[in-house]
N, C-alpha and C. Protein backbone atom coordinates (compact mmCIF):
# COMPACT_ATOMS: atom_id res chain seq x y z
N MET A 1 -28.63 -43.42 26.74
CA MET A 1 -27.54 -44.00 27.41
C MET A 1 -26.23 -43.89 26.61
N LYS A 2 -26.33 -44.02 25.30
CA LYS A 2 -25.22 -43.88 24.41
C LYS A 2 -24.63 -42.54 24.53
N SER A 3 -25.49 -41.51 24.57
CA SER A 3 -24.99 -40.15 24.66
C SER A 3 -24.23 -39.82 25.92
N LEU A 4 -24.68 -40.53 27.03
CA LEU A 4 -23.99 -40.33 28.31
C LEU A 4 -22.62 -41.06 28.24
N ALA A 5 -22.54 -42.18 27.65
CA ALA A 5 -21.24 -42.87 27.46
C ALA A 5 -20.31 -41.99 26.63
N ALA A 6 -20.82 -41.49 25.49
CA ALA A 6 -20.04 -40.64 24.64
C ALA A 6 -19.55 -39.38 25.36
N GLY A 7 -20.38 -38.82 26.18
CA GLY A 7 -20.01 -37.64 26.95
C GLY A 7 -18.89 -37.91 27.93
N VAL A 8 -19.01 -39.06 28.59
CA VAL A 8 -17.93 -39.46 29.49
C VAL A 8 -16.62 -39.65 28.77
N VAL A 9 -16.62 -40.34 27.67
CA VAL A 9 -15.33 -40.58 26.91
C VAL A 9 -14.85 -39.23 26.46
N GLY A 10 -15.72 -38.34 26.01
CA GLY A 10 -15.25 -37.02 25.54
C GLY A 10 -14.64 -36.23 26.70
N LEU A 11 -15.20 -36.33 27.89
CA LEU A 11 -14.68 -35.65 29.04
C LEU A 11 -13.31 -36.22 29.45
N LEU A 12 -13.18 -37.52 29.37
CA LEU A 12 -11.91 -38.19 29.68
C LEU A 12 -10.84 -37.73 28.67
N LEU A 13 -11.22 -37.67 27.43
CA LEU A 13 -10.22 -37.25 26.38
C LEU A 13 -9.84 -35.83 26.62
N ALA A 14 -10.80 -34.97 26.93
CA ALA A 14 -10.52 -33.51 27.06
C ALA A 14 -9.62 -33.26 28.30
N THR A 15 -9.88 -34.03 29.33
CA THR A 15 -9.08 -33.77 30.55
C THR A 15 -7.79 -34.51 30.57
N GLY A 16 -7.63 -35.39 29.67
CA GLY A 16 -6.34 -36.21 29.55
C GLY A 16 -6.35 -37.36 30.62
N LEU A 17 -7.55 -37.79 31.10
CA LEU A 17 -7.56 -38.83 32.11
C LEU A 17 -7.82 -40.14 31.49
N ALA A 18 -7.94 -40.28 30.17
CA ALA A 18 -8.17 -41.60 29.57
C ALA A 18 -6.92 -42.37 29.63
N SER A 19 -6.98 -43.66 29.54
CA SER A 19 -5.80 -44.53 29.55
C SER A 19 -4.94 -44.31 28.39
N ALA A 20 -3.71 -44.73 28.51
CA ALA A 20 -2.73 -44.57 27.38
C ALA A 20 -3.20 -45.31 26.12
N GLN A 21 -2.68 -44.79 25.04
CA GLN A 21 -3.00 -45.40 23.79
C GLN A 21 -1.97 -46.54 23.43
N THR A 22 -2.31 -47.29 22.50
CA THR A 22 -1.42 -48.27 21.95
C THR A 22 -0.30 -47.47 21.28
N PRO A 23 0.85 -48.09 21.06
CA PRO A 23 1.95 -47.41 20.36
C PRO A 23 1.51 -47.00 18.94
N ARG A 24 0.65 -47.77 18.27
CA ARG A 24 0.24 -47.41 16.90
C ARG A 24 -0.71 -46.19 17.05
N GLU A 25 -1.63 -46.22 17.96
CA GLU A 25 -2.56 -45.08 18.08
C GLU A 25 -1.74 -43.79 18.36
N ARG A 26 -0.82 -43.83 19.26
CA ARG A 26 0.01 -42.71 19.65
C ARG A 26 0.71 -42.26 18.39
N ALA A 27 1.29 -43.14 17.66
CA ALA A 27 2.06 -42.70 16.39
C ALA A 27 1.10 -42.01 15.38
N VAL A 28 -0.10 -42.46 15.27
CA VAL A 28 -1.06 -41.94 14.34
C VAL A 28 -1.40 -40.45 14.87
N ILE A 29 -1.61 -40.34 16.13
CA ILE A 29 -1.95 -39.00 16.77
C ILE A 29 -0.80 -38.08 16.57
N LEU A 30 0.46 -38.51 16.87
CA LEU A 30 1.56 -37.62 16.68
C LEU A 30 1.84 -37.30 15.20
N ARG A 31 1.58 -38.15 14.28
CA ARG A 31 1.68 -37.89 12.84
C ARG A 31 0.64 -36.77 12.38
N ASP A 32 -0.53 -36.82 13.04
CA ASP A 32 -1.54 -35.79 12.81
C ASP A 32 -1.00 -34.42 13.28
N PHE A 33 -0.35 -34.39 14.44
CA PHE A 33 0.24 -33.18 15.00
C PHE A 33 1.31 -32.63 14.02
N GLU A 34 2.20 -33.53 13.62
CA GLU A 34 3.29 -33.17 12.72
C GLU A 34 2.73 -32.59 11.35
N ARG A 35 1.70 -33.24 10.88
CA ARG A 35 1.02 -32.75 9.68
C ARG A 35 0.47 -31.39 9.82
N SER A 36 -0.20 -31.12 10.91
CA SER A 36 -0.73 -29.79 11.24
C SER A 36 0.32 -28.77 11.28
N VAL A 37 1.42 -29.09 12.03
CA VAL A 37 2.51 -28.16 12.18
C VAL A 37 3.25 -27.88 10.80
N ALA A 38 3.39 -28.91 10.05
CA ALA A 38 3.96 -28.73 8.67
C ALA A 38 3.10 -27.88 7.82
N GLU A 39 1.78 -28.03 7.86
CA GLU A 39 0.84 -27.27 7.07
C GLU A 39 0.97 -25.79 7.47
N TRP A 40 1.02 -25.54 8.75
CA TRP A 40 1.24 -24.13 9.19
C TRP A 40 2.49 -23.61 8.70
N ALA A 41 3.61 -24.36 8.87
CA ALA A 41 4.96 -23.89 8.52
C ALA A 41 5.13 -23.55 7.08
N MET A 42 4.37 -24.38 6.31
CA MET A 42 4.48 -24.19 4.78
C MET A 42 3.72 -22.89 4.36
N HIS A 43 2.58 -22.68 4.97
CA HIS A 43 1.73 -21.63 4.44
C HIS A 43 1.52 -20.54 5.49
N THR A 44 2.08 -20.72 6.69
CA THR A 44 1.89 -19.74 7.78
C THR A 44 0.35 -19.32 7.75
N ALA A 45 -0.48 -20.34 7.74
CA ALA A 45 -1.91 -20.14 7.71
C ALA A 45 -2.33 -19.31 8.83
N THR A 46 -3.30 -18.32 8.48
CA THR A 46 -3.93 -17.55 9.50
C THR A 46 -5.44 -17.72 9.28
N PRO A 47 -6.17 -18.21 10.24
CA PRO A 47 -5.64 -18.71 11.47
C PRO A 47 -4.95 -20.06 11.25
N PRO A 48 -4.11 -20.46 12.24
CA PRO A 48 -3.47 -21.70 12.06
C PRO A 48 -4.36 -22.83 12.13
N PRO A 49 -4.06 -24.00 11.53
CA PRO A 49 -4.94 -25.16 11.66
C PRO A 49 -4.99 -25.61 13.08
N PRO A 50 -6.03 -26.38 13.47
CA PRO A 50 -6.06 -26.86 14.82
C PRO A 50 -4.89 -27.78 15.03
N ILE A 51 -3.99 -27.45 15.95
CA ILE A 51 -2.72 -28.21 16.18
C ILE A 51 -2.89 -29.10 17.37
N PHE A 52 -3.40 -28.58 18.49
CA PHE A 52 -3.52 -29.34 19.76
C PHE A 52 -5.01 -29.82 19.84
N THR A 53 -5.38 -30.77 18.92
CA THR A 53 -6.62 -31.39 18.98
C THR A 53 -6.75 -32.15 20.27
N PRO A 54 -7.95 -32.55 20.68
CA PRO A 54 -8.04 -33.36 21.88
C PRO A 54 -7.15 -34.53 22.01
N PRO A 55 -7.09 -35.41 20.86
CA PRO A 55 -6.19 -36.53 21.05
C PRO A 55 -4.67 -36.13 21.14
N VAL A 56 -4.29 -35.09 20.35
CA VAL A 56 -2.94 -34.60 20.49
C VAL A 56 -2.60 -34.02 21.88
N ALA A 57 -3.62 -33.30 22.33
CA ALA A 57 -3.42 -32.67 23.70
C ALA A 57 -3.27 -33.74 24.75
N MET A 58 -3.98 -34.84 24.67
CA MET A 58 -3.88 -35.90 25.65
C MET A 58 -2.54 -36.60 25.55
N VAL A 59 -2.05 -36.85 24.30
CA VAL A 59 -0.78 -37.54 24.15
C VAL A 59 0.39 -36.55 24.67
N PHE A 60 0.31 -35.34 24.33
CA PHE A 60 1.31 -34.40 24.81
C PHE A 60 1.30 -34.28 26.33
N ARG A 61 0.27 -34.27 26.95
CA ARG A 61 0.21 -34.16 28.45
C ARG A 61 0.77 -35.45 29.01
N GLN A 62 0.50 -36.59 28.36
CA GLN A 62 1.12 -37.85 28.92
C GLN A 62 2.60 -37.83 28.65
N LEU A 63 3.11 -37.41 27.56
CA LEU A 63 4.51 -37.32 27.27
C LEU A 63 5.28 -36.37 28.26
N ILE A 64 4.68 -35.23 28.51
CA ILE A 64 5.32 -34.29 29.41
C ILE A 64 5.30 -34.85 30.86
N ALA A 65 4.13 -35.45 31.26
CA ALA A 65 4.12 -35.98 32.64
C ALA A 65 5.06 -37.08 32.75
N SER A 66 5.23 -37.91 31.77
CA SER A 66 6.21 -38.99 31.83
C SER A 66 7.63 -38.47 31.93
N ALA A 67 7.94 -37.46 31.16
CA ALA A 67 9.31 -36.89 31.21
C ALA A 67 9.55 -36.24 32.55
N LEU A 68 8.57 -35.50 33.15
CA LEU A 68 8.79 -34.92 34.33
C LEU A 68 8.83 -35.85 35.52
N ALA A 69 8.20 -36.97 35.37
CA ALA A 69 8.22 -38.05 36.47
C ALA A 69 9.63 -38.63 36.49
N ARG A 70 10.43 -38.56 35.51
CA ARG A 70 11.78 -39.07 35.56
C ARG A 70 12.80 -38.18 36.16
N VAL A 71 12.37 -36.92 36.39
CA VAL A 71 13.37 -35.93 36.97
C VAL A 71 12.74 -35.06 38.00
N ASP A 72 13.47 -34.25 38.69
CA ASP A 72 12.98 -33.30 39.58
C ASP A 72 12.24 -32.21 38.78
N ALA A 73 10.92 -32.04 38.94
CA ALA A 73 10.20 -31.08 38.17
C ALA A 73 10.67 -29.69 38.34
N ASP A 74 11.20 -29.29 39.52
CA ASP A 74 11.73 -27.94 39.64
C ASP A 74 12.90 -27.65 38.72
N CYS A 75 13.73 -28.68 38.52
CA CYS A 75 14.94 -28.50 37.71
C CYS A 75 14.49 -28.50 36.20
N ALA A 76 13.47 -29.23 35.92
CA ALA A 76 13.07 -29.51 34.54
C ALA A 76 12.20 -28.22 33.96
N MET A 77 11.71 -27.47 34.84
CA MET A 77 10.71 -26.46 34.44
C MET A 77 11.41 -25.05 34.58
N SER A 78 12.02 -24.55 33.48
CA SER A 78 12.68 -23.24 33.55
C SER A 78 11.69 -22.17 33.65
N ALA A 79 10.41 -22.37 33.39
CA ALA A 79 9.40 -21.36 33.50
C ALA A 79 9.01 -21.03 34.92
N ALA A 80 9.33 -21.91 35.91
CA ALA A 80 8.99 -21.63 37.24
C ALA A 80 9.50 -20.32 37.81
N GLY A 81 8.69 -19.60 38.41
CA GLY A 81 9.07 -18.28 38.96
C GLY A 81 9.01 -17.15 37.97
N MET A 82 8.62 -17.44 36.75
CA MET A 82 8.41 -16.39 35.77
C MET A 82 7.18 -15.63 35.91
N PRO A 83 7.10 -14.40 35.58
CA PRO A 83 5.82 -13.68 35.69
C PRO A 83 4.80 -14.38 34.85
N LEU A 84 3.56 -14.30 35.41
CA LEU A 84 2.47 -14.98 34.76
C LEU A 84 1.99 -14.16 33.52
N HIS A 85 1.93 -14.86 32.43
CA HIS A 85 1.50 -14.32 31.13
C HIS A 85 0.47 -15.27 30.62
N ARG A 86 -0.34 -14.78 29.76
CA ARG A 86 -1.32 -15.60 29.04
C ARG A 86 -0.96 -15.55 27.59
N ALA A 87 -0.53 -16.67 27.04
CA ALA A 87 -0.26 -16.80 25.61
C ALA A 87 -1.55 -17.00 24.90
N ARG A 88 -1.68 -16.21 23.81
CA ARG A 88 -2.88 -16.30 22.93
C ARG A 88 -2.42 -16.50 21.50
N VAL A 89 -3.15 -17.39 20.79
CA VAL A 89 -2.84 -17.69 19.42
C VAL A 89 -2.89 -16.43 18.57
N LEU A 90 -1.90 -16.32 17.72
CA LEU A 90 -1.71 -15.20 16.77
C LEU A 90 -1.36 -13.88 17.43
N GLU A 91 -1.03 -13.88 18.73
CA GLU A 91 -0.48 -12.72 19.41
C GLU A 91 1.01 -12.87 19.63
N PRO A 92 1.82 -11.78 19.78
CA PRO A 92 3.21 -11.98 19.98
C PRO A 92 3.48 -12.33 21.45
N LEU A 93 4.65 -13.09 21.62
CA LEU A 93 5.04 -13.54 22.93
C LEU A 93 6.60 -13.38 22.87
N ALA A 94 7.05 -12.42 23.70
CA ALA A 94 8.55 -12.20 23.73
C ALA A 94 9.20 -13.49 24.28
N ALA A 95 10.38 -13.70 23.79
CA ALA A 95 11.16 -14.86 24.17
C ALA A 95 11.39 -14.85 25.64
N ASP A 96 11.57 -13.65 26.29
CA ASP A 96 11.89 -13.64 27.71
C ASP A 96 10.60 -13.76 28.59
N ALA A 97 9.45 -13.83 27.93
CA ALA A 97 8.22 -14.04 28.71
C ALA A 97 7.80 -15.42 28.81
N ALA A 98 8.63 -16.37 28.29
CA ALA A 98 8.31 -17.76 28.30
C ALA A 98 9.56 -18.58 28.61
N GLY A 99 9.37 -19.67 29.30
CA GLY A 99 10.47 -20.54 29.66
C GLY A 99 10.80 -21.51 28.67
N MET A 100 12.07 -21.82 28.59
CA MET A 100 12.54 -22.86 27.70
C MET A 100 12.28 -24.20 28.14
N LEU A 101 12.11 -25.22 27.36
CA LEU A 101 11.95 -26.54 27.76
C LEU A 101 13.28 -27.21 28.13
N ALA A 102 13.26 -27.89 29.27
CA ALA A 102 14.43 -28.65 29.56
C ALA A 102 14.66 -29.80 28.63
N PRO A 103 15.85 -30.18 28.43
CA PRO A 103 16.14 -31.27 27.40
C PRO A 103 15.29 -32.54 27.68
N VAL A 104 15.02 -32.81 28.95
CA VAL A 104 14.20 -34.08 29.23
C VAL A 104 12.87 -34.00 28.69
N VAL A 105 12.26 -32.80 28.61
CA VAL A 105 10.93 -32.68 28.05
C VAL A 105 11.06 -32.39 26.58
N ALA A 106 11.97 -31.58 26.14
CA ALA A 106 12.06 -31.29 24.70
C ALA A 106 12.39 -32.55 23.94
N ASN A 107 13.17 -33.51 24.49
CA ASN A 107 13.59 -34.73 23.79
C ASN A 107 12.34 -35.71 23.71
N THR A 108 11.31 -35.44 24.53
CA THR A 108 10.22 -36.35 24.56
C THR A 108 9.17 -35.93 23.49
N LEU A 109 9.13 -34.67 23.14
CA LEU A 109 8.13 -34.14 22.23
C LEU A 109 8.57 -34.26 20.79
N PRO A 110 7.64 -34.30 19.86
CA PRO A 110 7.97 -34.36 18.41
C PRO A 110 8.90 -33.18 18.02
N VAL A 111 9.83 -33.42 17.09
CA VAL A 111 10.70 -32.41 16.60
C VAL A 111 9.91 -31.44 15.75
N LEU A 112 10.15 -30.17 15.94
CA LEU A 112 9.48 -29.12 15.17
C LEU A 112 10.24 -28.62 13.97
N PRO A 113 9.66 -28.01 13.04
CA PRO A 113 10.42 -27.33 11.96
C PRO A 113 11.26 -26.24 12.56
N ASP A 114 12.37 -25.84 12.01
CA ASP A 114 13.31 -24.88 12.57
C ASP A 114 12.65 -23.56 12.93
N GLU A 115 11.60 -23.17 12.17
CA GLU A 115 10.99 -21.90 12.42
C GLU A 115 10.09 -21.84 13.64
N LEU A 116 9.84 -22.99 14.21
CA LEU A 116 9.03 -23.07 15.47
C LEU A 116 9.75 -23.57 16.63
N GLU A 117 9.27 -23.19 17.78
CA GLU A 117 9.85 -23.66 19.06
C GLU A 117 8.76 -23.89 20.13
N TYR A 118 9.05 -24.88 21.04
CA TYR A 118 8.21 -25.04 22.22
C TYR A 118 8.65 -24.09 23.29
N ARG A 119 7.69 -23.60 24.06
CA ARG A 119 7.97 -22.79 25.22
C ARG A 119 6.94 -23.14 26.31
N PHE A 120 7.28 -22.90 27.57
CA PHE A 120 6.30 -23.00 28.68
C PHE A 120 5.93 -21.55 29.05
N VAL A 121 4.65 -21.34 29.16
CA VAL A 121 4.12 -20.13 29.79
C VAL A 121 3.18 -20.56 30.86
N ASP A 122 3.57 -20.27 32.17
CA ASP A 122 2.78 -20.80 33.22
C ASP A 122 2.85 -22.32 33.11
N ASN A 123 1.64 -22.94 33.12
CA ASN A 123 1.68 -24.42 32.95
C ASN A 123 1.12 -24.75 31.55
N ASP A 124 1.19 -23.83 30.63
CA ASP A 124 0.79 -24.08 29.26
C ASP A 124 2.01 -24.36 28.41
N LEU A 125 1.84 -25.20 27.40
CA LEU A 125 2.85 -25.39 26.38
C LEU A 125 2.47 -24.57 25.19
N VAL A 126 3.48 -23.78 24.72
CA VAL A 126 3.16 -22.85 23.57
C VAL A 126 4.09 -23.27 22.38
N LEU A 127 3.48 -23.24 21.22
CA LEU A 127 4.25 -23.30 19.95
C LEU A 127 4.42 -21.81 19.53
N ARG A 128 5.66 -21.43 19.34
CA ARG A 128 6.00 -20.02 19.01
C ARG A 128 6.87 -19.99 17.73
N ASP A 129 6.51 -19.00 16.90
CA ASP A 129 7.26 -18.74 15.68
C ASP A 129 8.61 -18.05 16.10
N ARG A 130 9.73 -18.54 15.80
CA ARG A 130 10.98 -17.93 16.26
C ARG A 130 11.26 -16.58 15.68
N ALA A 131 10.85 -16.40 14.38
CA ALA A 131 11.21 -15.16 13.69
C ALA A 131 10.39 -13.99 14.18
N ASP A 132 9.09 -14.16 14.25
CA ASP A 132 8.27 -12.98 14.69
C ASP A 132 7.71 -13.06 16.08
N GLY A 133 7.94 -14.17 16.76
CA GLY A 133 7.43 -14.29 18.10
C GLY A 133 6.01 -14.54 18.26
N ILE A 134 5.35 -14.82 17.21
CA ILE A 134 3.86 -15.05 17.28
C ILE A 134 3.52 -16.40 17.78
N VAL A 135 2.52 -16.48 18.61
CA VAL A 135 2.05 -17.82 19.14
C VAL A 135 1.23 -18.51 18.05
N VAL A 136 1.60 -19.71 17.83
CA VAL A 136 0.93 -20.52 16.77
C VAL A 136 -0.12 -21.39 17.37
N ALA A 137 0.20 -21.90 18.56
CA ALA A 137 -0.75 -22.79 19.23
C ALA A 137 -0.43 -22.83 20.75
N VAL A 138 -1.50 -23.11 21.56
CA VAL A 138 -1.29 -23.11 23.03
C VAL A 138 -2.04 -24.43 23.49
N LEU A 139 -1.26 -25.27 24.27
CA LEU A 139 -1.89 -26.35 24.99
C LEU A 139 -1.99 -25.94 26.40
N LYS A 140 -3.26 -25.66 26.77
CA LYS A 140 -3.52 -25.23 28.13
C LYS A 140 -3.32 -26.41 29.11
N ASN A 141 -2.79 -26.11 30.35
CA ASN A 141 -2.55 -27.09 31.32
C ASN A 141 -1.76 -28.33 30.82
N ALA A 142 -0.69 -28.01 30.16
CA ALA A 142 0.21 -29.05 29.65
C ALA A 142 0.91 -29.70 30.82
N VAL A 143 1.14 -28.94 31.79
CA VAL A 143 1.88 -29.42 32.95
C VAL A 143 0.96 -29.22 34.19
N GLY A 144 0.87 -30.25 35.09
CA GLY A 144 -0.01 -30.09 36.20
C GLY A 144 0.50 -28.98 37.11
N VAL A 145 -0.37 -28.31 37.77
CA VAL A 145 0.00 -27.18 38.60
C VAL A 145 0.96 -27.52 39.73
N THR A 146 0.95 -28.81 40.18
CA THR A 146 1.87 -29.19 41.26
C THR A 146 3.28 -29.28 40.77
N ALA A 147 3.49 -29.51 39.39
CA ALA A 147 4.84 -29.54 38.88
C ALA A 147 5.45 -28.12 38.83
N MET A 148 4.63 -27.14 38.88
CA MET A 148 5.11 -25.73 38.75
C MET A 148 5.51 -25.15 40.11
N LYS A 149 5.18 -25.86 41.13
CA LYS A 149 5.45 -25.20 42.52
C LYS A 149 6.83 -25.66 43.06
């Protein structure tokens, strides 16, 4: 019975359907994200450390959904209508192959070091190295597919 309950909790965390965290829990999760990003930025680790862990992914999806709920999703998503690409970690991604984040979304997410940027590719959130265009991390399904239509 315990394994079934653990499996359900794991499924909820992985799909982002678990209820919101307390402000303290969210702060700890976002600090973990910032620590992973800083570790990569300092050492440009190959392969990069796990950046979008399940808890971080859940918080990011919540932050993005909250930001998009405050505005018209079509205006906020500059990636809409772009050709479909698949971003893969440690592969190059041209700047013109990915959509910029609208300020309403960008201002919701943690600030990145100058050498990194957030981009949307389809409904995925990508962390991209500005200098060489290499994908550092991908958060699959960061935006619901309905927001992209």
